[in-house]
Amino acid sequence: CSKSSWLTQTRHWLATLLESARAQARTNGSLVIWRPMPQGFRFEGLPQGVKMPGQWLQTAVTVQPATPVVLGPEPLIPRQTITLSLPDGNSPPLQLVTDGLRPFKVQSLQGSRP
């Protein structure tokens, strides 16, 4: 699988993880944060029995901005844009976006930027 298609798969996988954590936050009324880390990422605030991955599927991924993303507990979260890219720079960056109400979705960088 090419690096570009791998990054596309990673983007969809991460969107699913973010929405799952967001649902947990709302269900449990707890503050859940997704925090990018140098070697992966971490979900903070999930209930003890909920296990989420903390590493990328294969290769390290660069996240911009490298700041925490609040996923709840409120139904309306701040507008978020997460840009994923591979460190080698050979694949175009890909984005995940939410307007704060709707689920995270995949967006092309050729589209309008928030």
Protein backbone atom coordinates (compact mmCIF):
# COMPACT_ATOMS: atom_id res chain seq x y z
CA CYS A 1 0.00 0.00 0.00
CA SER A 2 1.39 3.42 -0.91
CA LYS A 3 2.23 5.98 1.75
CA SER A 4 -0.55 8.25 0.48
CA SER A 5 -3.22 5.56 0.79
CA TRP A 6 -1.79 4.55 4.17
CA LEU A 7 -2.17 8.14 5.38
CA THR A 8 -5.75 8.20 4.06
CA GLN A 9 -6.49 4.99 5.99
CA THR A 10 -4.89 6.52 9.10
CA ARG A 11 -7.04 9.62 8.77
CA HIS A 12 -10.27 7.56 8.67
CA TRP A 13 -9.03 5.39 11.57
CA LEU A 14 -8.26 8.48 13.68
CA ALA A 15 -11.65 10.05 12.87
CA THR A 16 -13.31 6.86 14.17
CA LEU A 17 -11.20 6.92 17.36
CA LEU A 18 -11.96 10.61 17.98
CA GLU A 19 -15.70 10.05 17.54
CA SER A 20 -15.61 7.01 19.82
CA ALA A 21 -13.85 9.02 22.54
CA ARG A 22 -16.29 11.89 21.99
CA ALA A 23 -19.22 9.49 22.51
CA GLN A 24 -17.59 8.18 25.71
CA ALA A 25 -17.19 11.75 26.98
CA ARG A 26 -20.84 12.54 26.39
CA THR A 27 -22.10 9.23 27.79
CA ASN A 28 -20.04 9.53 30.97
CA GLY A 29 -20.24 13.32 31.33
CA SER A 30 -16.45 13.50 31.52
CA LEU A 31 -13.85 15.77 29.96
CA VAL A 32 -11.94 13.73 27.35
CA ILE A 33 -8.89 15.12 25.59
CA TRP A 34 -6.91 13.75 22.64
CA ARG A 35 -3.28 14.77 23.01
CA PRO A 36 -0.71 14.30 20.21
CA MET A 37 2.63 13.05 21.54
CA PRO A 38 6.10 12.83 19.93
CA GLN A 39 5.71 9.07 19.32
CA GLY A 40 1.93 8.78 19.02
CA PHE A 41 -1.02 10.19 20.93
CA ARG A 42 -2.97 9.77 24.16
CA PHE A 43 -6.62 9.93 25.16
CA GLU A 44 -7.08 11.47 28.62
CA GLY A 45 -10.20 11.26 30.78
CA LEU A 46 -11.69 8.04 29.43
CA PRO A 47 -13.34 5.63 31.91
CA GLN A 48 -10.94 3.03 33.32
CA GLY A 49 -12.35 0.12 31.33
CA VAL A 50 -12.05 1.91 27.97
CA LYS A 51 -8.80 1.20 26.15
CA MET A 52 -7.80 3.23 23.10
CA PRO A 53 -4.70 2.92 20.93
CA GLY A 54 -1.84 5.32 21.55
CA GLN A 55 0.34 4.71 18.53
CA TRP A 56 -0.05 5.19 14.79
CA LEU A 57 -0.87 2.18 12.63
CA GLN A 58 2.62 1.92 11.10
CA THR A 59 4.80 4.96 10.62
CA ALA A 60 5.06 8.06 12.76
CA VAL A 61 2.65 10.81 11.71
CA THR A 62 3.14 14.54 12.11
CA VAL A 63 0.14 16.35 13.64
CA GLN A 64 -0.53 20.07 13.21
CA PRO A 65 -1.35 21.83 15.36
CA ALA A 66 0.31 19.66 18.02
CA THR A 67 -2.16 20.83 20.64
CA PRO A 68 -4.77 18.92 22.67
CA VAL A 69 -8.26 18.45 21.24
CA VAL A 70 -11.19 18.65 23.68
CA LEU A 71 -13.77 15.96 22.83
CA GLY A 72 -16.49 16.59 25.39
CA PRO A 73 -18.54 16.18 27.53
CA GLU A 74 -20.63 18.95 25.94
CA PRO A 75 -22.41 18.08 22.67
CA LEU A 76 -20.90 21.20 21.09
CA ILE A 77 -17.09 21.25 21.14
CA PRO A 78 -14.80 23.92 19.68
CA ARG A 79 -14.29 23.86 15.91
CA GLN A 80 -11.26 21.64 15.21
CA THR A 81 -8.92 21.07 12.29
CA ILE A 82 -6.23 18.40 12.56
CA THR A 83 -3.68 18.10 9.76
CA LEU A 84 -1.85 14.79 9.38
CA SER A 85 1.31 14.34 7.34
CA LEU A 86 4.20 11.93 7.02
CA PRO A 87 7.62 13.22 8.12
CA ASP A 88 9.22 12.42 4.73
CA GLY A 89 7.08 15.09 3.05
CA ASN A 90 6.48 12.89 -0.03
CA SER A 91 2.74 12.55 0.58
CA PRO A 92 0.31 15.47 0.64
CA PRO A 93 -1.03 16.35 4.11
CA LEU A 94 -4.59 15.30 4.95
CA GLN A 95 -7.11 16.90 7.32
CA LEU A 96 -9.79 15.93 9.80
CA VAL A 97 -12.29 18.68 10.63
CA THR A 98 -15.36 19.24 12.76
CA ASP A 99 -17.51 22.32 13.10
CA GLY A 100 -17.97 21.36 16.75
CA LEU A 101 -21.40 19.79 16.34
CA ARG A 102 -21.03 17.26 13.51
CA PRO A 103 -18.61 14.30 13.59
CA PHE A 104 -15.01 14.63 12.47
CA LYS A 105 -14.83 14.26 8.70
CA VAL A 106 -12.15 13.99 6.09
CA GLN A 107 -11.45 17.20 4.18
CA SER A 108 -9.21 17.85 1.23
CA LEU A 109 -6.55 20.52 1.67
CA GLN A 110 -7.56 21.89 -1.74
CA GLY A 111 -10.86 23.01 -0.17
CA SER A 112 -11.35 26.15 1.83
CA ARG A 113 -9.38 26.31 5.04
CA PRO A 114 -11.06 27.44 8.27
